[in-house]
């Protein structure tokens, strides 16, 4: 779900159809603080919402061509087994490469997609097997990055 106003940070829909939302200023400080301090509540360093002011909230489905990683996540979820573990591992490796300036931003999705295509799927039954999939997927993502034509030079020009 895309919410352009960015004031609803989380929603939970219950079996009866009711929804509880975490709403705050357009700033991730409060949701992050809440995640780190739960179950306690601390005063957040963000302005409070003025509920007397009119506001409109919009929601729309995401454009899966624009948000390629979301599309890949849905596909990995449908594939099942180790695919979501592979996606997460490849994403972490690619994001690290982006933050280090070695690849341009669009190459994150390229790396994840290629890693998913190269890694065989399996049904991990133990935590050791999940860790093994994670490590193998990270190594595969590093190989993808090493073989890519946009590494280093393209990142400087991005």
C-alpha atoms as a PDB file:
ATOM      1  CA  UNK A   1       0.000   0.000   0.000  1.00  0.00           C
ATOM      2  CA  UNK A   2       1.336   3.427  -0.940  1.00  0.00           C
ATOM      3  CA  UNK A   3       0.372   6.311   1.353  1.00  0.00           C
ATOM      4  CA  UNK A   4       1.823   9.549  -0.077  1.00  0.00           C
ATOM      5  CA  UNK A   5       1.150  11.608   3.065  1.00  0.00           C
ATOM      6  CA  UNK A   6       3.435   9.281   5.086  1.00  0.00           C
ATOM      7  CA  UNK A   7       1.638   9.867   8.373  1.00  0.00           C
ATOM      8  CA  UNK A   8       0.324   6.333   8.864  1.00  0.00           C
ATOM      9  CA  UNK A   9       3.369   4.220   9.662  1.00  0.00           C
ATOM     10  CA  UNK A  10       1.696   0.891  10.419  1.00  0.00           C
ATOM     11  CA  UNK A  11      -1.759  -0.675  10.399  1.00  0.00           C
ATOM     12  CA  UNK A  12      -3.092  -3.935  11.759  1.00  0.00           C
ATOM     13  CA  UNK A  13      -6.388  -5.316  10.504  1.00  0.00           C
ATOM     14  CA  UNK A  14      -8.126  -7.694  12.879  1.00  0.00           C
ATOM     15  CA  UNK A  15     -10.346 -10.638  11.994  1.00  0.00           C
ATOM     16  CA  UNK A  16     -13.463  -8.533  12.686  1.00  0.00           C
ATOM     17  CA  UNK A  17     -12.374  -5.979  10.070  1.00  0.00           C
ATOM     18  CA  UNK A  18     -11.404  -3.222  12.512  1.00  0.00           C
ATOM     19  CA  UNK A  19      -8.047  -1.522  11.989  1.00  0.00           C
ATOM     20  CA  UNK A  20      -5.615   0.013  14.456  1.00  0.00           C
ATOM     21  CA  UNK A  21      -3.090   2.428  12.963  1.00  0.00           C
ATOM     22  CA  UNK A  22       0.134   3.977  14.235  1.00  0.00           C
ATOM     23  CA  UNK A  23      -0.179   7.611  13.150  1.00  0.00           C
ATOM     24  CA  UNK A  24       2.324  10.378  13.796  1.00  0.00           C
ATOM     25  CA  UNK A  25       4.124  13.238  12.120  1.00  0.00           C
ATOM     26  CA  UNK A  26       5.694  12.573   8.736  1.00  0.00           C
ATOM     27  CA  UNK A  27       8.907  11.380  10.328  1.00  0.00           C
ATOM     28  CA  UNK A  28      10.152   7.874  11.120  1.00  0.00           C
ATOM     29  CA  UNK A  29      11.598   8.877  14.506  1.00  0.00           C
ATOM     30  CA  UNK A  30       8.477   7.900  16.436  1.00  0.00           C
ATOM     31  CA  UNK A  31       7.872   4.478  14.824  1.00  0.00           C
ATOM     32  CA  UNK A  32      11.553   3.610  15.227  1.00  0.00           C
ATOM     33  CA  UNK A  33      11.551   4.797  18.832  1.00  0.00           C
ATOM     34  CA  UNK A  34       8.439   2.754  19.523  1.00  0.00           C
ATOM     35  CA  UNK A  35      10.031  -0.362  18.033  1.00  0.00           C
ATOM     36  CA  UNK A  36      13.145   0.127  20.162  1.00  0.00           C
ATOM     37  CA  UNK A  37      11.422   0.940  23.456  1.00  0.00           C
ATOM     38  CA  UNK A  38       8.338  -1.324  23.325  1.00  0.00           C
ATOM     39  CA  UNK A  39       6.434  -1.947  25.539  1.00  0.00           C
ATOM     40  CA  UNK A  40       7.360   1.352  27.178  1.00  0.00           C
ATOM     41  CA  UNK A  41       6.259   4.694  25.759  1.00  0.00           C
ATOM     42  CA  UNK A  42       8.648   7.652  25.742  1.00  0.00           C
ATOM     43  CA  UNK A  43       8.106  11.216  24.620  1.00  0.00           C
ATOM     44  CA  UNK A  44       9.088  11.363  20.964  1.00  0.00           C
ATOM     45  CA  UNK A  45      11.169  14.170  19.435  1.00  0.00           C
ATOM     46  CA  UNK A  46       8.523  14.929  16.801  1.00  0.00           C
ATOM     47  CA  UNK A  47       5.724  17.490  16.641  1.00  0.00           C
ATOM     48  CA  UNK A  48       2.310  16.275  17.712  1.00  0.00           C
ATOM     49  CA  UNK A  49      -0.451  16.121  15.147  1.00  0.00           C
ATOM     50  CA  UNK A  50      -3.067  18.845  15.347  1.00  0.00           C
ATOM     51  CA  UNK A  51      -6.267  16.839  15.051  1.00  0.00           C
ATOM     52  CA  UNK A  52      -8.343  20.030  14.651  1.00  0.00           C
ATOM     53  CA  UNK A  53      -6.808  20.594  11.208  1.00  0.00           C
ATOM     54  CA  UNK A  54      -8.505  18.897   8.270  1.00  0.00           C
ATOM     55  CA  UNK A  55      -6.449  16.250   6.547  1.00  0.00           C
ATOM     56  CA  UNK A  56      -6.956  13.737   3.783  1.00  0.00           C
ATOM     57  CA  UNK A  57      -5.241  10.387   3.563  1.00  0.00           C
ATOM     58  CA  UNK A  58      -4.807   8.561   0.295  1.00  0.00           C
ATOM     59  CA  UNK A  59      -3.975   4.914  -0.245  1.00  0.00           C
ATOM     60  CA  UNK A  60      -3.198   3.190  -3.501  1.00  0.00           C
ATOM     61  CA  UNK A  61      -1.738  -0.094  -4.620  1.00  0.00           C
ATOM     62  CA  UNK A  62       1.983   0.030  -5.383  1.00  0.00           C
ATOM     63  CA  UNK A  63       3.247   0.145  -8.951  1.00  0.00           C
ATOM     64  CA  UNK A  64       5.172  -3.132  -9.033  1.00  0.00           C
ATOM     65  CA  UNK A  65       7.210  -2.048 -12.044  1.00  0.00           C
ATOM     66  CA  UNK A  66       8.365   1.055 -10.169  1.00  0.00           C
ATOM     67  CA  UNK A  67       8.909  -0.830  -6.900  1.00  0.00           C
ATOM     68  CA  UNK A  68      10.818  -3.792  -8.358  1.00  0.00           C
ATOM     69  CA  UNK A  69      12.025  -5.116  -5.016  1.00  0.00           C
ATOM     70  CA  UNK A  70       8.462  -5.315  -3.743  1.00  0.00           C
ATOM     71  CA  UNK A  71       7.552  -7.316  -6.854  1.00  0.00           C
ATOM     72  CA  UNK A  72      10.526  -9.615  -6.222  1.00  0.00           C
ATOM     73  CA  UNK A  73       9.440 -10.020  -2.590  1.00  0.00           C
ATOM     74  CA  UNK A  74       5.927 -11.045  -3.659  1.00  0.00           C
ATOM     75  CA  UNK A  75       7.410 -13.508  -6.152  1.00  0.00           C
ATOM     76  CA  UNK A  76       9.748 -14.959  -3.519  1.00  0.00           C
ATOM     77  CA  UNK A  77       6.841 -15.334  -1.120  1.00  0.00           C
ATOM     78  CA  UNK A  78       4.832 -17.166  -3.785  1.00  0.00           C
ATOM     79  CA  UNK A  79       7.806 -19.396  -4.596  1.00  0.00           C
ATOM     80  CA  UNK A  80       8.116 -20.305  -0.933  1.00  0.00           C
ATOM     81  CA  UNK A  81      10.839 -22.342   0.683  1.00  0.00           C
ATOM     82  CA  UNK A  82      14.188 -20.585   0.866  1.00  0.00           C
ATOM     83  CA  UNK A  83      13.351 -17.834  -1.647  1.00  0.00           C
ATOM     84  CA  UNK A  84      12.583 -15.157   0.948  1.00  0.00           C
ATOM     85  CA  UNK A  85      15.805 -15.971   2.813  1.00  0.00           C
ATOM     86  CA  UNK A  86      17.733 -15.613  -0.446  1.00  0.00           C
ATOM     87  CA  UNK A  87      15.982 -12.323  -1.203  1.00  0.00           C
ATOM     88  CA  UNK A  88      16.857 -10.907   2.229  1.00  0.00           C
ATOM     89  CA  UNK A  89      20.503 -11.995   2.052  1.00  0.00           C
ATOM     90  CA  UNK A  90      20.980 -10.620  -1.469  1.00  0.00           C
ATOM     91  CA  UNK A  91      19.280  -7.360  -0.529  1.00  0.00           C
ATOM     92  CA  UNK A  92      21.569  -6.871   2.474  1.00  0.00           C
ATOM     93  CA  UNK A  93      24.684  -7.488   0.365  1.00  0.00           C
ATOM     94  CA  UNK A  94      23.470  -5.161  -2.400  1.00  0.00           C
ATOM     95  CA  UNK A  95      22.444  -2.373  -0.007  1.00  0.00           C
ATOM     96  CA  UNK A  96      25.868  -2.542   1.632  1.00  0.00           C
ATOM     97  CA  UNK A  97      27.492  -2.221  -1.812  1.00  0.00           C
ATOM     98  CA  UNK A  98      25.261   0.772  -2.588  1.00  0.00           C
ATOM     99  CA  UNK A  99      26.048   2.473   0.734  1.00  0.00           C
ATOM    100  CA  UNK A 100      29.760   1.902   0.077  1.00  0.00           C
ATOM    101  CA  UNK A 101      29.380   3.642  -3.308  1.00  0.00           C
ATOM    102  CA  UNK A 102      30.203   0.520  -5.321  1.00  0.00           C
ATOM    103  CA  UNK A 103      26.895   0.281  -7.190  1.00  0.00           C
ATOM    104  CA  UNK A 104      24.107   2.662  -8.255  1.00  0.00           C
ATOM    105  CA  UNK A 105      20.737   2.414  -6.511  1.00  0.00           C
ATOM    106  CA  UNK A 106      18.918   0.532  -9.329  1.00  0.00           C
ATOM    107  CA  UNK A 107      21.568  -2.190  -9.147  1.00  0.00           C
ATOM    108  CA  UNK A 108      20.183  -3.293  -5.776  1.00  0.00           C
ATOM    109  CA  UNK A 109      17.122  -4.802  -7.466  1.00  0.00           C
ATOM    110  CA  UNK A 110      19.270  -6.180 -10.308  1.00  0.00           C
ATOM    111  CA  UNK A 111      21.503  -7.958  -7.790  1.00  0.00           C
ATOM    112  CA  UNK A 112      18.583  -9.410  -5.854  1.00  0.00           C
ATOM    113  CA  UNK A 113      16.831 -10.584  -9.024  1.00  0.00           C
ATOM    114  CA  UNK A 114      19.953 -12.255 -10.411  1.00  0.00           C
ATOM    115  CA  UNK A 115      20.745 -13.902  -7.067  1.00  0.00           C
ATOM    116  CA  UNK A 116      17.206 -15.293  -6.866  1.00  0.00           C
ATOM    117  CA  UNK A 117      17.540 -16.703 -10.387  1.00  0.00           C
ATOM    118  CA  UNK A 118      20.856 -18.409  -9.579  1.00  0.00           C
ATOM    119  CA  UNK A 119      20.070 -19.874  -6.175  1.00  0.00           C
ATOM    120  CA  UNK A 120      18.313 -23.240  -6.080  1.00  0.00           C
ATOM    121  CA  UNK A 121      15.250 -23.295  -3.916  1.00  0.00           C
ATOM    122  CA  UNK A 122      14.941 -25.657  -0.992  1.00  0.00           C
ATOM    123  CA  UNK A 123      12.773 -26.254   2.048  1.00  0.00           C
ATOM    124  CA  UNK A 124      15.001 -25.551   5.061  1.00  0.00           C
ATOM    125  CA  UNK A 125      13.825 -27.580   8.055  1.00  0.00           C
ATOM    126  CA  UNK A 126      16.290 -26.412  10.703  1.00  0.00           C
ATOM    127  CA  UNK A 127      17.875 -23.130  11.713  1.00  0.00           C
ATOM    128  CA  UNK A 128      21.210 -24.520  10.537  1.00  0.00           C
ATOM    129  CA  UNK A 129      19.742 -25.030   7.062  1.00  0.00           C
ATOM    130  CA  UNK A 130      18.346 -21.477   7.057  1.00  0.00           C
ATOM    131  CA  UNK A 131      21.777 -20.120   8.022  1.00  0.00           C
ATOM    132  CA  UNK A 132      23.345 -22.208   5.263  1.00  0.00           C
ATOM    133  CA  UNK A 133      20.914 -20.762   2.688  1.00  0.00           C
ATOM    134  CA  UNK A 134      21.643 -17.261   3.968  1.00  0.00           C
ATOM    135  CA  UNK A 135      25.419 -17.694   3.697  1.00  0.00           C
ATOM    136  CA  UNK A 136      25.215 -19.285   0.238  1.00  0.00           C
ATOM    137  CA  UNK A 137      22.891 -16.513  -0.966  1.00  0.00           C
ATOM    138  CA  UNK A 138      25.224 -13.811   0.339  1.00  0.00           C
ATOM    139  CA  UNK A 139      28.151 -15.427  -1.471  1.00  0.00           C
ATOM    140  CA  UNK A 140      26.099 -15.681  -4.660  1.00  0.00           C
ATOM    141  CA  UNK A 141      25.123 -11.992  -4.391  1.00  0.00           C
ATOM    142  CA  UNK A 142      28.796 -11.058  -3.965  1.00  0.00           C
ATOM    143  CA  UNK A 143      29.586 -13.043  -7.121  1.00  0.00           C
ATOM    144  CA  UNK A 144      26.787 -11.238  -8.974  1.00  0.00           C
ATOM    145  CA  UNK A 145      28.239  -7.904  -7.855  1.00  0.00           C
ATOM    146  CA  UNK A 146      31.734  -8.970  -8.912  1.00  0.00           C
ATOM    147  CA  UNK A 147      30.551  -9.918 -12.400  1.00  0.00           C
ATOM    148  CA  UNK A 148      28.333  -6.885 -12.963  1.00  0.00           C
ATOM    149  CA  UNK A 149      29.267  -4.261 -15.520  1.00  0.00           C
ATOM    150  CA  UNK A 150      27.922  -1.368 -13.385  1.00  0.00           C
ATOM    151  CA  UNK A 151      30.202  -1.987 -10.419  1.00  0.00           C
ATOM    152  CA  UNK A 152      32.305   0.968  -9.184  1.00  0.00           C
ATOM    153  CA  UNK A 153      32.415   3.141 -12.333  1.00  0.00           C
ATOM    154  CA  UNK A 154      28.649   3.279 -12.795  1.00  0.00           C
ATOM    155  CA  UNK A 155      28.185   4.057  -9.106  1.00  0.00           C
ATOM    156  CA  UNK A 156      30.368   7.155  -9.454  1.00  0.00           C
ATOM    157  CA  UNK A 157      28.286   8.343 -12.405  1.00  0.00           C
ATOM    158  CA  UNK A 158      24.895   7.585 -10.825  1.00  0.00           C
END
